[in-house]
Protein backbone atom coordinates (compact mmCIF):
# COMPACT_ATOMS: atom_id res chain seq x y z
CA UNK A 1 26.99 -8.83 -14.62
CA UNK A 2 25.44 -9.10 -17.97
CA UNK A 3 23.35 -12.24 -19.22
CA UNK A 4 26.65 -13.97 -20.74
CA UNK A 5 27.49 -14.03 -17.52
CA UNK A 6 24.76 -16.69 -16.34
CA UNK A 7 25.62 -20.16 -15.21
CA UNK A 8 23.37 -22.52 -16.70
CA UNK A 9 20.17 -22.80 -14.14
CA UNK A 10 20.67 -19.69 -12.54
CA UNK A 11 18.09 -16.75 -12.10
CA UNK A 12 18.62 -13.00 -12.59
CA UNK A 13 16.44 -9.39 -12.90
CA UNK A 14 17.11 -7.58 -16.45
CA UNK A 15 18.35 -4.01 -15.60
CA UNK A 16 17.81 -1.22 -17.81
CA UNK A 17 20.73 -1.28 -20.21
CA UNK A 18 22.68 1.88 -20.80
CA UNK A 19 22.89 1.19 -24.70
CA UNK A 20 19.95 1.18 -26.50
CA UNK A 21 19.27 -2.67 -27.57
CA UNK A 22 17.77 -4.16 -30.05
CA UNK A 23 13.75 -3.55 -30.56
CA UNK A 24 13.65 -7.33 -30.58
CA UNK A 25 14.84 -7.79 -27.20
CA UNK A 26 12.29 -5.63 -25.74
CA UNK A 27 9.67 -7.96 -28.27
CA UNK A 28 10.75 -10.70 -26.64
CA UNK A 29 10.29 -9.84 -23.24
CA UNK A 30 13.36 -8.94 -22.21
CA UNK A 31 12.31 -5.73 -20.45
CA UNK A 32 13.81 -4.08 -17.30
CA UNK A 33 12.64 -5.61 -13.74
CA UNK A 34 12.27 -9.04 -15.40
CA UNK A 35 12.88 -12.48 -14.08
CA UNK A 36 15.03 -14.48 -16.72
CA UNK A 37 16.99 -17.78 -16.38
CA UNK A 38 19.38 -19.77 -18.82
CA UNK A 39 18.35 -22.98 -19.52
CA UNK A 40 21.33 -23.87 -22.03
CA UNK A 41 24.12 -22.04 -23.57
CA UNK A 42 25.81 -24.13 -26.24
CA UNK A 43 29.44 -24.78 -26.27
CA UNK A 44 32.09 -22.80 -28.18
CA UNK A 45 30.13 -19.11 -27.47
CA UNK A 46 27.30 -21.16 -29.44
CA UNK A 47 23.53 -19.59 -28.78
CA UNK A 48 22.25 -19.18 -25.15
CA UNK A 49 18.33 -20.10 -24.61
CA UNK A 50 16.73 -18.20 -21.36
CA UNK A 51 13.36 -18.58 -20.14
CA UNK A 52 10.97 -15.41 -19.97
CA UNK A 53 7.47 -14.71 -19.15
CA UNK A 54 7.33 -18.31 -19.65
CA UNK A 55 8.69 -17.94 -23.34
CA UNK A 56 12.32 -19.51 -24.48
CA UNK A 57 13.94 -16.86 -26.22
CA UNK A 58 17.73 -17.50 -27.94
CA UNK A 59 20.43 -15.08 -28.40
CA UNK A 60 24.14 -14.79 -29.38
CA UNK A 61 26.60 -14.48 -26.54
CA UNK A 62 27.49 -11.00 -28.16
CA UNK A 63 23.89 -10.08 -27.76
CA UNK A 64 23.40 -11.44 -23.91
CA UNK A 65 26.73 -9.82 -23.59
CA UNK A 66 25.17 -6.14 -23.59
CA UNK A 67 21.71 -6.90 -21.14
CA UNK A 68 22.85 -5.82 -17.48
CA UNK A 69 21.18 -8.14 -15.43
CA UNK A 70 21.37 -8.24 -10.97
CA UNK A 71 20.67 -10.79 -8.36
CA UNK A 72 16.84 -12.00 -8.57
CA UNK A 73 16.72 -11.34 -4.71
CA UNK A 74 16.92 -7.41 -5.52
CA UNK A 75 13.34 -6.54 -5.66
CA UNK A 76 13.30 -3.00 -6.07
CA UNK A 77 12.49 -3.11 -9.96
CA UNK A 78 10.20 -6.00 -9.35
CA UNK A 79 6.22 -5.08 -8.94
CA UNK A 80 5.92 -7.76 -6.60
């Protein structure tokens, strides 16, 4: 499952990507183990807006299709 698969209001945990992702994603807080929530998705495959570490970030759907996620109930990657 990938970030692009989330529905508005749905939460997930970011997983380690098999491919290297753009550094700007890590700079925005989209790190493995972080909880992320989809706040808004523009129509017609437009940008998606996510809440991560208390900050809203926006990215193209094409980029969201590269970020693997898992169910937020999986706590093996979290530092809780």
